[in-house]
């Protein structure tokens, strides 16, 4: 993966920005 931004809403907010992983739960 390089500069790929994925926005997947499952059990919260799964945001994968490149090699950085951000998991945000409301």
N, C-alpha and C. Protein backbone atom coordinates (compact mmCIF):
# COMPACT_ATOMS: atom_id res chain seq x y z
N UNK A 1 0.84 -1.20 0.00
CA UNK A 1 0.00 0.00 0.00
C UNK A 1 0.87 1.25 0.00
N UNK A 2 0.36 2.27 -0.63
CA UNK A 2 1.13 3.52 -0.66
C UNK A 2 0.27 4.65 -0.12
N UNK A 3 -0.25 5.45 -1.03
CA UNK A 3 -1.11 6.55 -0.59
C UNK A 3 -2.55 6.17 -0.86
N UNK A 4 -2.95 5.07 -0.25
CA UNK A 4 -4.32 4.59 -0.47
C UNK A 4 -5.17 4.91 0.76
N UNK A 5 -6.29 5.55 0.51
CA UNK A 5 -7.17 5.92 1.62
C UNK A 5 -8.43 5.08 1.57
N UNK A 6 -8.65 4.29 2.62
CA UNK A 6 -9.84 3.46 2.64
C UNK A 6 -10.74 3.89 3.78
N UNK A 7 -12.02 4.03 3.47
CA UNK A 7 -12.98 4.41 4.49
C UNK A 7 -14.05 3.34 4.58
N UNK A 8 -13.97 2.52 5.61
CA UNK A 8 -14.92 1.43 5.77
C UNK A 8 -15.65 1.57 7.09
N UNK A 9 -16.97 1.59 7.01
CA UNK A 9 -17.76 1.72 8.23
C UNK A 9 -18.33 0.36 8.61
N UNK A 10 -17.83 -0.19 9.71
CA UNK A 10 -18.31 -1.50 10.16
C UNK A 10 -18.76 -1.38 11.61
N UNK A 11 -17.87 -1.74 12.53
CA UNK A 11 -18.22 -1.66 13.95
C UNK A 11 -17.77 -0.32 14.52
N UNK A 12 -17.72 0.68 13.65
CA UNK A 12 -17.24 1.99 14.04
C UNK A 12 -16.74 2.69 12.80
N UNK A 13 -15.58 3.30 12.90
CA UNK A 13 -15.01 3.96 11.72
C UNK A 13 -13.61 3.44 11.49
N UNK A 14 -13.44 2.73 10.38
CA UNK A 14 -12.13 2.14 10.09
C UNK A 14 -11.48 2.95 8.98
N UNK A 15 -10.51 3.75 9.35
CA UNK A 15 -9.84 4.61 8.37
C UNK A 15 -8.39 4.18 8.22
N UNK A 16 -8.05 3.76 7.02
CA UNK A 16 -6.67 3.34 6.78
C UNK A 16 -6.01 4.32 5.83
N UNK A 17 -5.08 5.12 6.35
CA UNK A 17 -4.42 6.13 5.53
C UNK A 17 -2.98 5.70 5.28
N UNK A 18 -2.77 5.10 4.12
CA UNK A 18 -1.41 4.65 3.78
C UNK A 18 -0.99 3.55 4.73
N UNK A 19 0.08 3.80 5.47
CA UNK A 19 0.55 2.81 6.43
C UNK A 19 0.13 3.18 7.84
N UNK A 20 -0.66 4.26 7.93
CA UNK A 20 -1.13 4.71 9.23
C UNK A 20 -2.54 4.21 9.46
N UNK A 21 -2.75 3.60 10.62
CA UNK A 21 -4.06 3.03 10.90
C UNK A 21 -4.76 3.83 11.99
N UNK A 22 -5.94 4.33 11.65
CA UNK A 22 -6.72 5.10 12.62
C UNK A 22 -8.04 4.39 12.89
N UNK A 23 -8.29 4.04 14.15
CA UNK A 23 -9.55 3.39 14.49
C UNK A 23 -10.33 4.31 15.43
N UNK A 24 -11.47 4.79 14.95
CA UNK A 24 -12.28 5.70 15.77
C UNK A 24 -13.64 5.07 16.04
N UNK A 25 -13.99 4.95 17.31
CA UNK A 25 -15.30 4.40 17.67
C UNK A 25 -16.15 5.48 18.32
N UNK A 26 -17.33 5.69 17.79
CA UNK A 26 -18.24 6.73 18.30
C UNK A 26 -18.84 6.34 19.65
